Amino acid sequence: MRVGIVTQPLQNNYGGILQNWALQQALKDIGHEPITLDVGLKYGYGRYALSIGKYFADRLMGRSRRFPSPPCHGRLASRLTGEFFHRHIIATEPARRYSAGMIDRYHLDAIVVGSDQVWRPLYNDSIEDMFLRFAEGRDVKRVAYAASFGVDEWELTEAQTAACRPLAQAFDAVSVREASGVELCREHLDVEAVHVLDPTMLIDVAKYHKLCADIPREEPFVAAYCIDLCDEKRRFFDEVAAGYGLPLKLFSANGDVSLSVEQWLSMFRDAAVVITDSFHGTVFSILNRKEFYTLGNVARGTSRFASLLAVFGLEARLVTDLSAATALPPIAWIQVTDALNQLRDQSLSFLREALS
C-alpha cells in the first residue's frame, strides 16, 4: 500500500526528523511504501507574536533564547539536518500547502497523520488539514498514528472544533501519543482513540546506532540537552556532573543547529547521564538506557512527559522544581525494557491492523 505521511514541517528539529524517519521504517517493515508529504507551511503571525512575547519574557528572567524567525513558507533545514533528510527520508516534491492533487500525483492508497504536535493549533495555521480536510471526497484510508495535542487541555476554538470533528470521525483508525489525548478525542471529537508509542520508539536502538556508526565514540560524560536555558539550569547541570564525577557537555535544542542528525544520535549513545527538557531527548535517553533527568516546563506543557514516563514507571525522573531535586536511584532497566517491548508490539499491531 502506498502511504502518505502528514506531519509537522521537517526543519531543524532532530526529534521531528527522526520520528518521521522511524515511522517510515516501521511502515516499510510491515510491507508498505511510505512517502512524506513535504509541505513546508510554517507558523503564522499569531504564533510569531506569542514567540516574540516569550522571547522578551525569557530575557527579563535571564534565560538564553534566540530571537524567533518571522513567519514564512518552506523547509528551513540547515545543511546538517537537510543532508539526513535527503539521504534517509522518502518525500514528495516540496509544496506550500496540502492538496487533493497530491493524492493523485503520488498514487496514495492511505494517509497517516502523525506524530509530534500535529493536532495542536498553536503549531498549525491550517489545523483542518492535519485532520485531512484536503483529502475530503477521496477514496483513501485515513489513519492517525500517535497524533499529539501537546497539552492535556483543549485548545481548538469552537469553529475549529466544529470543522475538525467530522473530519476526525471520517478516520478509519485513530491513535494518540499521550494518554490525555484519548479523553480529548472522546470528549471533543466523539472519537475513540488508542494510546500508542511515539514513532521513534517503534525502532530498535540498534538501528539508530547504525545511523551514527561512523561517529567516533567518546569517553563517558553528562549530556545536558536543553531548549530553555537559564542560570538555574546551568547550576543544576554543574551539580549533577560533579555528583557523577564526569565532564559536562551542553547542547542547545533551541533552533541552533551545530550537530548533524548522526552526531545528535551519538550524543545519546555515548553519554553516561542525560539531563534534558526535550520530549525526544527523554525518548532517546530511554531507548539508549541512560540514567536521565527530565526537566518539566509548565509553560510548554508537561503532559507529554508525564504520559511518556508513566508507561515505563519512570515518573520520578520528571523534575519540576530544581531547588528540591535530589539524586535518583538507578533505573531498573529490565522492567523498562519489558514494558517497551510490550508497548512496541501493541503499537505496531495498531498500525498493521489500521492499514490492513
Protein backbone atom coordinates (compact mmCIF):
# COMPACT_ATOMS: atom_id res chain seq x y z
CA MET A 1 0.00 0.00 0.00
CA ARG A 2 1.28 3.46 -0.91
CA VAL A 3 1.08 5.51 2.31
CA GLY A 4 1.42 9.29 2.52
CA ILE A 5 2.59 10.76 5.83
CA VAL A 6 1.31 14.11 7.11
CA THR A 7 3.46 15.61 9.86
CA GLN A 8 4.97 18.87 11.04
CA PRO A 9 7.42 20.55 8.63
CA LEU A 10 10.78 18.77 8.90
CA GLN A 11 13.03 21.68 9.72
CA ASN A 12 15.84 21.96 12.29
CA ASN A 13 14.15 19.64 14.77
CA TYR A 14 16.05 16.44 15.45
CA GLY A 15 13.14 14.69 17.14
CA GLY A 16 10.74 15.75 14.39
CA ILE A 17 13.02 14.43 11.67
CA LEU A 18 13.69 11.15 13.46
CA GLN A 19 10.04 10.46 14.29
CA ASN A 20 9.31 10.75 10.58
CA TRP A 21 12.23 8.50 9.64
CA ALA A 22 11.14 5.97 12.26
CA LEU A 23 7.54 5.93 11.05
CA GLN A 24 8.74 5.32 7.51
CA GLN A 25 10.91 2.44 8.72
CA ALA A 26 8.00 0.90 10.64
CA LEU A 27 5.71 1.18 7.62
CA LYS A 28 8.32 -0.46 5.41
CA ASP A 29 8.78 -3.26 7.92
CA ILE A 30 5.08 -4.14 7.74
CA GLY A 31 5.07 -4.13 3.95
CA HIS A 32 4.03 -0.61 2.88
CA GLU A 33 5.58 2.12 0.72
CA PRO A 34 5.73 5.36 2.73
CA ILE A 35 6.24 8.85 1.36
CA THR A 36 6.18 12.02 3.45
CA LEU A 37 4.12 14.92 2.08
CA ASP A 38 6.77 17.63 2.19
CA VAL A 39 4.60 20.64 2.93
CA GLY A 40 6.69 23.43 4.41
CA LEU A 41 3.98 25.64 5.88
CA LYS A 42 5.44 27.32 8.89
CA TYR A 43 3.58 29.08 11.68
CA GLY A 44 1.58 32.25 11.14
CA TYR A 45 1.62 35.69 12.71
CA GLY A 46 -0.39 34.68 15.77
CA ARG A 47 2.26 32.23 16.90
CA TYR A 48 5.01 34.65 15.85
CA ALA A 49 3.59 37.30 18.20
CA LEU A 50 3.47 34.75 21.04
CA SER A 51 7.08 33.75 20.30
CA ILE A 52 8.25 37.37 20.47
CA GLY A 53 6.45 37.83 23.78
CA LYS A 54 8.10 34.71 25.19
CA TYR A 55 11.48 35.88 23.91
CA PHE A 56 11.31 39.14 25.88
CA ALA A 57 9.85 37.42 28.95
CA ASP A 58 12.71 34.92 28.96
CA ARG A 59 15.30 37.67 28.52
CA LEU A 60 13.87 39.50 31.53
CA MET A 61 14.22 36.28 33.54
CA GLY A 62 17.82 35.80 32.44
CA ARG A 63 17.15 32.92 30.07
CA SER A 64 19.03 32.46 26.84
CA ARG A 65 16.75 32.36 23.81
CA ARG A 66 17.20 33.02 20.11
CA PHE A 67 15.02 35.76 18.59
CA PRO A 68 12.17 33.98 16.73
CA SER A 69 12.19 33.77 12.96
CA PRO A 70 9.32 35.54 11.16
CA PRO A 71 6.52 33.52 9.53
CA CYS A 72 7.47 32.04 6.20
CA HIS A 73 7.00 29.10 3.94
CA GLY A 74 9.43 26.37 3.02
CA ARG A 75 11.52 23.79 4.81
CA LEU A 76 14.18 25.76 6.67
CA ALA A 77 16.55 22.88 7.28
CA SER A 78 20.23 23.60 7.69
CA ARG A 79 22.82 21.72 5.71
CA LEU A 80 23.39 19.42 8.71
CA THR A 81 19.76 18.31 9.02
CA GLY A 82 19.00 18.66 5.31
CA GLU A 83 21.61 16.08 4.38
CA PHE A 84 19.95 13.49 6.57
CA PHE A 85 16.54 14.34 5.12
CA HIS A 86 17.72 13.87 1.55
CA ARG A 87 19.62 10.64 2.28
CA HIS A 88 17.16 8.86 4.50
CA ILE A 89 13.59 10.17 4.10
CA ILE A 90 11.38 9.46 1.11
CA ALA A 91 9.42 12.62 0.36
CA THR A 92 7.32 14.33 -2.26
CA GLU A 93 8.45 17.45 -4.06
CA PRO A 94 8.23 20.44 -1.69
CA ALA A 95 4.83 22.12 -1.64
CA ARG A 96 3.42 25.19 0.09
CA ARG A 97 0.10 23.61 1.03
CA TYR A 98 -1.71 20.30 1.14
CA SER A 99 -3.96 19.48 -1.80
CA ALA A 100 -6.07 16.63 -3.11
CA GLY A 101 -3.82 16.63 -6.17
CA MET A 102 -1.02 15.16 -4.05
CA ILE A 103 -3.13 12.05 -3.53
CA ASP A 104 -3.42 11.56 -7.28
CA ARG A 105 0.11 12.56 -8.18
CA TYR A 106 1.71 10.12 -5.72
CA HIS A 107 -0.93 7.37 -6.09
CA LEU A 108 -1.71 7.26 -2.39
CA ASP A 109 -3.84 4.42 -1.02
CA ALA A 110 -3.71 5.70 2.57
CA ILE A 111 -2.65 8.73 4.60
CA VAL A 112 -1.17 8.53 8.09
CA VAL A 113 -1.18 11.67 10.25
CA GLY A 114 1.48 11.81 12.96
CA SER A 115 3.34 12.31 15.13
CA ASP A 116 4.60 15.33 17.06
CA GLN A 117 2.09 18.04 17.94
CA VAL A 118 0.16 17.76 14.68
CA TRP A 119 -3.18 18.44 16.37
CA ARG A 120 -2.08 21.49 18.31
CA PRO A 121 -3.48 24.67 16.68
CA LEU A 122 -0.65 26.79 18.09
CA TYR A 123 1.74 24.96 15.76
CA ASN A 124 -0.52 24.64 12.74
CA ASP A 125 -2.04 27.54 10.83
CA SER A 126 -4.30 25.14 8.93
CA ILE A 127 -5.27 22.69 11.64
CA GLU A 128 -8.10 21.29 9.47
CA ASP A 129 -5.58 19.87 7.01
CA MET A 130 -3.96 17.99 9.89
CA PHE A 131 -7.36 16.27 10.12
CA LEU A 132 -7.17 15.63 6.33
CA ARG A 133 -9.60 18.24 5.09
CA PHE A 134 -7.65 18.27 1.81
CA ALA A 135 -8.50 14.57 1.29
CA GLU A 136 -12.28 15.01 1.53
CA GLY A 137 -14.08 13.10 -1.19
CA ARG A 138 -11.06 10.92 -1.99
CA ASP A 139 -11.08 7.15 -1.59
CA VAL A 140 -8.07 6.77 0.72
CA LYS A 141 -7.67 5.11 4.09
CA ARG A 142 -7.25 7.64 6.89
CA VAL A 143 -5.17 6.80 9.97
CA ALA A 144 -3.83 8.90 12.84
CA TYR A 145 -0.70 7.40 14.37
CA ALA A 146 0.47 8.90 17.69
CA ALA A 147 -1.12 12.25 16.87
CA SER A 148 -0.43 14.71 19.66
CA PHE A 149 -2.33 17.68 21.07
CA GLY A 150 0.81 18.56 23.05
CA VAL A 151 -1.15 19.50 26.18
CA ASP A 152 -3.91 17.93 28.25
CA GLU A 153 -6.44 20.71 27.67
CA TRP A 154 -8.49 21.52 24.58
CA GLU A 155 -7.00 24.40 22.57
CA LEU A 156 -9.06 24.33 19.38
CA THR A 157 -11.60 27.13 19.01
CA GLU A 158 -15.29 26.37 18.66
CA ALA A 159 -15.06 26.94 14.92
CA GLN A 160 -12.01 24.70 14.59
CA THR A 161 -13.67 22.01 16.68
CA ALA A 162 -16.82 22.13 14.55
CA ALA A 163 -14.72 21.79 11.40
CA CYS A 164 -12.39 19.06 12.70
CA ARG A 165 -14.93 16.84 14.46
CA PRO A 166 -16.49 15.34 11.28
CA LEU A 167 -13.03 15.08 9.72
CA ALA A 168 -11.78 13.08 12.71
CA GLN A 169 -14.84 10.86 12.58
CA ALA A 170 -14.01 10.00 8.97
CA PHE A 171 -10.71 8.39 10.04
CA ASP A 172 -10.54 4.61 9.80
CA ALA A 173 -8.40 4.41 12.95
CA VAL A 174 -7.16 6.99 15.46
CA SER A 175 -4.29 6.71 17.91
CA VAL A 176 -2.67 9.39 20.06
CA ARG A 177 0.73 9.83 21.68
CA GLU A 178 -0.44 10.93 25.13
CA ALA A 179 -2.89 9.20 27.43
CA SER A 180 -4.72 12.51 27.89
CA GLY A 181 -5.33 12.60 24.13
CA VAL A 182 -7.66 9.62 24.42
CA GLU A 183 -10.04 11.65 26.58
CA LEU A 184 -9.67 14.78 24.45
CA CYS A 185 -10.69 12.80 21.37
CA ARG A 186 -13.65 11.24 23.15
CA GLU A 187 -14.91 14.47 24.73
CA HIS A 188 -14.38 16.94 21.89
CA LEU A 189 -14.31 14.89 18.69
CA ASP A 190 -16.61 11.98 19.61
CA VAL A 191 -13.86 9.61 18.52
CA GLU A 192 -12.40 6.60 20.34
CA ALA A 193 -8.62 6.72 20.20
CA VAL A 194 -5.88 4.28 21.20
CA HIS A 195 -2.79 5.29 23.17
CA VAL A 196 0.41 4.26 21.33
CA LEU A 197 4.15 4.92 21.39
CA ASP A 198 5.88 7.81 19.66
CA PRO A 199 7.17 6.53 16.27
CA THR A 200 10.80 6.82 17.41
CA MET A 201 10.13 4.06 19.94
CA LEU A 202 8.91 1.62 17.29
CA ILE A 203 12.51 1.17 16.17
CA ASP A 204 15.16 -0.87 17.98
CA VAL A 205 18.04 1.25 19.24
CA ALA A 206 20.49 -0.81 17.14
CA LYS A 207 19.08 0.85 14.01
CA TYR A 208 19.84 4.30 15.43
CA HIS A 209 23.35 3.17 16.33
CA LYS A 210 23.81 2.00 12.75
CA LEU A 211 22.95 5.52 11.55
CA CYS A 212 25.71 7.02 13.70
CA ALA A 213 28.22 4.17 13.37
CA ASP A 214 30.75 6.44 11.62
CA ILE A 215 30.81 8.91 14.53
CA PRO A 216 33.76 8.06 16.85
CA ARG A 217 32.76 7.04 20.35
CA GLU A 218 33.58 9.38 23.21
CA GLU A 219 34.55 8.86 26.84
CA PRO A 220 31.54 9.00 29.23
CA PHE A 221 30.13 12.44 30.00
CA VAL A 222 26.99 14.13 31.29
CA ALA A 223 24.95 15.48 28.38
CA ALA A 224 22.72 18.50 29.00
CA TYR A 225 20.35 18.81 26.03
CA CYS A 226 18.30 21.92 26.70
CA ILE A 227 15.62 24.02 24.96
CA ASP A 228 15.02 26.71 27.58
CA LEU A 229 18.40 27.52 29.08
CA CYS A 230 18.75 29.69 32.19
CA ASP A 231 21.23 30.22 35.00
CA GLU A 232 19.30 27.96 37.37
CA LYS A 233 19.51 25.08 34.91
CA ARG A 234 23.21 25.71 34.31
CA ARG A 235 23.84 25.38 38.05
CA PHE A 236 21.82 22.16 38.14
CA PHE A 237 23.80 20.72 35.22
CA ASP A 238 27.07 21.50 37.02
CA GLU A 239 25.83 19.92 40.24
CA VAL A 240 24.74 16.70 38.51
CA ALA A 241 28.01 16.42 36.58
CA ALA A 242 30.00 16.97 39.78
CA GLY A 243 27.91 14.33 41.54
CA TYR A 244 28.77 11.76 38.90
CA GLY A 245 32.37 12.93 38.64
CA LEU A 246 32.06 13.36 34.87
CA PRO A 247 32.63 16.23 32.45
CA LEU A 248 29.58 18.20 31.30
CA LYS A 249 28.71 18.79 27.67
CA LEU A 250 25.94 21.29 26.94
CA PHE A 251 23.92 21.00 23.73
CA SER A 252 21.35 23.56 22.62
CA ALA A 253 17.92 22.42 21.47
CA ASN A 254 16.67 25.92 20.74
CA GLY A 255 16.96 26.10 16.96
CA ASP A 256 20.75 26.46 16.89
CA VAL A 257 21.90 23.57 14.72
CA SER A 258 25.51 22.62 15.39
CA LEU A 259 25.21 18.85 15.12
CA SER A 260 24.27 16.57 12.26
CA VAL A 261 21.44 14.14 12.98
CA GLU A 262 24.04 11.36 13.25
CA GLN A 263 26.08 13.38 15.77
CA TRP A 264 22.91 14.10 17.73
CA LEU A 265 22.20 10.36 17.92
CA SER A 266 25.77 9.65 19.05
CA MET A 267 25.30 12.09 21.94
CA PHE A 268 22.72 9.74 23.47
CA ARG A 269 24.75 6.67 22.52
CA ASP A 270 27.87 7.90 24.34
CA ALA A 271 26.57 9.92 27.31
CA ALA A 272 26.59 8.27 30.71
CA VAL A 273 23.85 10.58 32.02
CA VAL A 274 21.40 12.88 30.22
CA ILE A 275 19.65 15.97 31.54
CA THR A 276 17.03 17.33 29.17
CA ASP A 277 13.88 19.42 28.88
CA SER A 278 13.12 17.92 25.45
CA PHE A 279 10.47 15.27 24.78
CA HIS A 280 12.58 13.41 22.26
CA GLY A 281 15.63 13.93 24.43
CA THR A 282 13.76 11.90 27.04
CA VAL A 283 12.75 9.30 24.44
CA PHE A 284 16.32 8.71 23.28
CA SER A 285 17.58 8.55 26.86
CA ILE A 286 15.16 5.68 27.43
CA LEU A 287 15.99 3.94 24.15
CA ASN A 288 19.71 4.11 24.96
CA ARG A 289 19.14 3.01 28.56
CA LYS A 290 20.78 6.09 30.07
CA GLU A 291 20.27 7.47 33.53
CA PHE A 292 18.44 10.76 32.98
CA TYR A 293 16.62 13.72 34.42
CA THR A 294 13.72 15.30 32.53
CA LEU A 295 13.18 18.95 33.42
CA GLY A 296 9.50 19.81 33.20
CA ASN A 297 8.39 23.07 31.62
CA VAL A 298 4.90 24.05 32.72
CA ALA A 299 4.68 26.81 30.09
CA ARG A 300 5.35 24.36 27.26
CA GLY A 301 3.19 21.63 28.84
CA THR A 302 4.27 18.66 30.92
CA SER A 303 1.57 16.20 29.89
CA ARG A 304 3.75 14.83 27.07
CA PHE A 305 6.50 13.98 29.54
CA ALA A 306 4.20 12.68 32.25
CA SER A 307 2.39 10.37 29.82
CA LEU A 308 5.64 9.02 28.38
CA LEU A 309 7.29 8.41 31.74
CA ALA A 310 4.20 6.86 33.33
CA VAL A 311 4.04 3.93 30.91
CA PHE A 312 7.57 2.95 31.95
CA GLY A 313 7.16 3.61 35.67
CA LEU A 314 9.69 6.45 35.44
CA GLU A 315 7.61 9.30 36.83
CA ALA A 316 10.34 10.11 39.37
CA ARG A 317 12.64 11.21 36.54
CA LEU A 318 10.46 14.29 35.90
CA VAL A 319 11.86 17.26 37.82
CA THR A 320 9.66 20.34 38.10
CA ASP A 321 11.47 22.07 40.99
CA LEU A 322 15.23 22.20 40.54
CA SER A 323 15.77 23.53 44.06
CA ALA A 324 14.19 20.38 45.50
CA ALA A 325 15.79 17.89 43.09
CA THR A 326 17.70 15.04 44.68
CA ALA A 327 19.90 12.20 43.46
CA LEU A 328 17.77 9.45 41.94
CA PRO A 329 18.27 5.70 42.29
CA PRO A 330 19.46 3.75 39.22
CA ILE A 331 16.73 2.83 36.74
CA ALA A 332 15.51 -0.78 36.74
CA TRP A 333 16.11 -1.29 33.02
CA ILE A 334 14.81 -4.87 32.86
CA GLN A 335 11.28 -3.70 33.75
CA VAL A 336 11.54 -0.70 31.42
CA THR A 337 12.68 -2.88 28.52
CA ASP A 338 9.87 -5.37 29.13
CA ALA A 339 7.33 -2.53 29.06
CA LEU A 340 8.89 -1.07 25.92
CA ASN A 341 8.76 -4.39 24.08
CA GLN A 342 5.12 -4.94 25.03
CA LEU A 343 4.07 -1.41 24.06
CA ARG A 344 6.04 -1.62 20.82
CA ASP A 345 4.21 -4.82 19.86
CA GLN A 346 0.84 -3.24 20.67
CA SER A 347 1.65 -0.06 18.73
CA LEU A 348 2.85 -1.97 15.66
CA SER A 349 -0.27 -4.13 15.82
CA PHE A 350 -2.41 -0.99 15.74
CA LEU A 351 -0.54 0.30 12.69
CA ARG A 352 -0.69 -3.07 10.94
CA GLU A 353 -4.42 -3.54 11.53
CA ALA A 354 -5.28 0.08 10.70
CA LEU A 355 -3.73 -0.31 7.24
CA SER A 356 -4.98 -3.81 6.52
